[in-house]
């Protein structure tokens, strides 16, 4: 299980390659499953850079 990060102008189209992230290490050294760290998908994209 994990989260896939896709970047680029047409990232929402679903045709680009992505980076699969399974675990995240926070600044304080805790290690979490990516699905716990990234709790809402798609909310990081905006219409402007």
N, C-alpha and C. Protein backbone atom coordinates (compact mmCIF):
# COMPACT_ATOMS: atom_id res chain seq x y z
N UNK A 1 0.85 -1.19 0.00
CA UNK A 1 0.00 0.00 0.00
C UNK A 1 0.88 1.23 0.00
N UNK A 2 0.39 2.28 -0.61
CA UNK A 2 1.14 3.52 -0.66
C UNK A 2 0.37 4.60 -1.38
N UNK A 3 1.08 5.66 -1.70
CA UNK A 3 0.53 6.82 -2.38
C UNK A 3 1.42 7.10 -3.58
N UNK A 4 0.82 7.45 -4.71
CA UNK A 4 1.61 7.79 -5.89
C UNK A 4 1.51 9.29 -6.13
N UNK A 5 2.67 9.93 -6.24
CA UNK A 5 2.74 11.37 -6.51
C UNK A 5 3.03 11.54 -8.00
N UNK A 6 2.18 12.32 -8.67
CA UNK A 6 2.35 12.60 -10.10
C UNK A 6 2.45 14.11 -10.24
N UNK A 7 3.46 14.57 -10.98
CA UNK A 7 3.67 16.01 -11.15
C UNK A 7 3.52 16.39 -12.61
N UNK A 8 3.34 17.67 -12.84
CA UNK A 8 3.26 18.19 -14.20
C UNK A 8 1.94 18.85 -14.48
N UNK A 9 1.91 19.58 -15.57
CA UNK A 9 0.72 20.36 -15.92
C UNK A 9 -0.51 19.48 -16.13
N UNK A 10 -0.31 18.28 -16.65
CA UNK A 10 -1.46 17.40 -16.92
C UNK A 10 -1.49 16.21 -15.97
N UNK A 11 -1.09 16.42 -14.74
CA UNK A 11 -1.01 15.33 -13.75
C UNK A 11 -2.36 14.66 -13.51
N UNK A 12 -3.43 15.41 -13.61
CA UNK A 12 -4.76 14.84 -13.34
C UNK A 12 -5.25 13.92 -14.45
N UNK A 13 -4.61 13.97 -15.61
CA UNK A 13 -5.05 13.17 -16.76
C UNK A 13 -4.84 11.67 -16.53
N UNK A 14 -3.88 11.32 -15.67
CA UNK A 14 -3.66 9.92 -15.35
C UNK A 14 -2.78 9.16 -16.32
N UNK A 15 -2.05 9.86 -17.17
CA UNK A 15 -1.20 9.18 -18.15
C UNK A 15 0.29 9.31 -17.84
N UNK A 16 0.65 10.09 -16.83
CA UNK A 16 2.06 10.32 -16.50
C UNK A 16 2.57 9.29 -15.51
N UNK A 17 3.89 9.11 -15.51
CA UNK A 17 4.52 8.25 -14.52
C UNK A 17 4.44 8.93 -13.16
N UNK A 18 4.50 8.13 -12.11
CA UNK A 18 4.45 8.68 -10.76
C UNK A 18 5.50 8.06 -9.87
N UNK A 19 5.68 8.65 -8.72
CA UNK A 19 6.61 8.16 -7.71
C UNK A 19 5.78 7.51 -6.60
N UNK A 20 5.98 6.22 -6.38
CA UNK A 20 5.24 5.49 -5.34
C UNK A 20 5.94 5.68 -4.00
N UNK A 21 5.21 6.18 -3.03
CA UNK A 21 5.74 6.40 -1.68
C UNK A 21 4.99 5.47 -0.73
N UNK A 22 5.74 4.67 0.00
CA UNK A 22 5.11 3.73 0.93
C UNK A 22 5.28 4.15 2.38
N UNK A 23 6.39 4.84 2.70
CA UNK A 23 6.64 5.28 4.08
C UNK A 23 7.17 6.70 4.06
N UNK A 24 6.88 7.46 5.13
CA UNK A 24 7.33 8.84 5.26
C UNK A 24 8.00 8.99 6.62
N UNK A 25 9.18 9.63 6.63
CA UNK A 25 9.84 9.93 7.90
C UNK A 25 9.67 11.42 8.17
N UNK A 26 9.07 11.76 9.29
CA UNK A 26 8.81 13.16 9.63
C UNK A 26 10.08 13.81 10.18
N UNK A 27 10.02 15.13 10.33
CA UNK A 27 11.15 15.90 10.83
C UNK A 27 11.61 15.43 12.21
N UNK A 28 10.67 14.98 13.02
CA UNK A 28 11.03 14.54 14.38
C UNK A 28 11.46 13.08 14.43
N UNK A 29 11.60 12.43 13.27
CA UNK A 29 12.13 11.08 13.22
C UNK A 29 11.09 9.96 13.22
N UNK A 30 9.81 10.31 13.36
CA UNK A 30 8.77 9.27 13.31
C UNK A 30 8.64 8.74 11.89
N UNK A 31 8.36 7.46 11.76
CA UNK A 31 8.13 6.85 10.46
C UNK A 31 6.68 6.39 10.38
N UNK A 32 6.00 6.82 9.33
CA UNK A 32 4.57 6.53 9.17
C UNK A 32 4.32 5.90 7.80
N UNK A 33 3.27 5.10 7.69
CA UNK A 33 2.84 4.67 6.35
C UNK A 33 2.41 5.91 5.56
N UNK A 34 2.68 5.93 4.28
CA UNK A 34 2.34 7.08 3.44
C UNK A 34 0.85 7.38 3.48
N UNK A 35 0.03 6.34 3.60
CA UNK A 35 -1.43 6.55 3.61
C UNK A 35 -1.89 7.27 4.87
N UNK A 36 -1.10 7.21 5.94
CA UNK A 36 -1.44 7.97 7.16
C UNK A 36 -0.97 9.41 7.06
N UNK A 37 0.15 9.64 6.37
CA UNK A 37 0.70 11.00 6.26
C UNK A 37 -0.09 11.82 5.23
N UNK A 38 -0.35 11.23 4.08
CA UNK A 38 -1.13 11.90 3.03
C UNK A 38 -2.58 11.46 3.18
N UNK A 39 -3.37 12.25 3.89
CA UNK A 39 -4.73 11.82 4.23
C UNK A 39 -5.77 12.24 3.19
N UNK A 40 -5.48 13.24 2.36
CA UNK A 40 -6.45 13.61 1.32
C UNK A 40 -5.72 13.67 -0.01
N UNK A 41 -6.25 13.01 -1.00
CA UNK A 41 -5.59 12.94 -2.30
C UNK A 41 -6.11 14.05 -3.21
N UNK A 42 -5.22 14.60 -4.02
CA UNK A 42 -5.60 15.61 -5.00
C UNK A 42 -5.69 17.02 -4.44
N UNK A 43 -5.67 17.19 -3.16
CA UNK A 43 -5.79 18.51 -2.57
C UNK A 43 -4.54 19.36 -2.68
N UNK A 44 -3.46 18.78 -3.19
CA UNK A 44 -2.21 19.51 -3.27
C UNK A 44 -2.05 20.21 -4.60
N UNK A 45 -2.94 19.94 -5.55
CA UNK A 45 -2.84 20.55 -6.88
C UNK A 45 -3.60 21.86 -6.91
N UNK A 46 -3.02 22.84 -7.61
CA UNK A 46 -3.68 24.13 -7.78
C UNK A 46 -3.67 24.50 -9.25
N UNK A 47 -4.45 25.48 -9.61
CA UNK A 47 -4.50 25.94 -11.00
C UNK A 47 -3.27 26.75 -11.37
N UNK A 48 -2.56 27.26 -10.36
CA UNK A 48 -1.36 28.09 -10.61
C UNK A 48 -0.14 27.44 -9.97
N UNK A 49 1.05 27.68 -10.56
CA UNK A 49 2.29 27.15 -9.94
C UNK A 49 2.59 27.80 -8.60
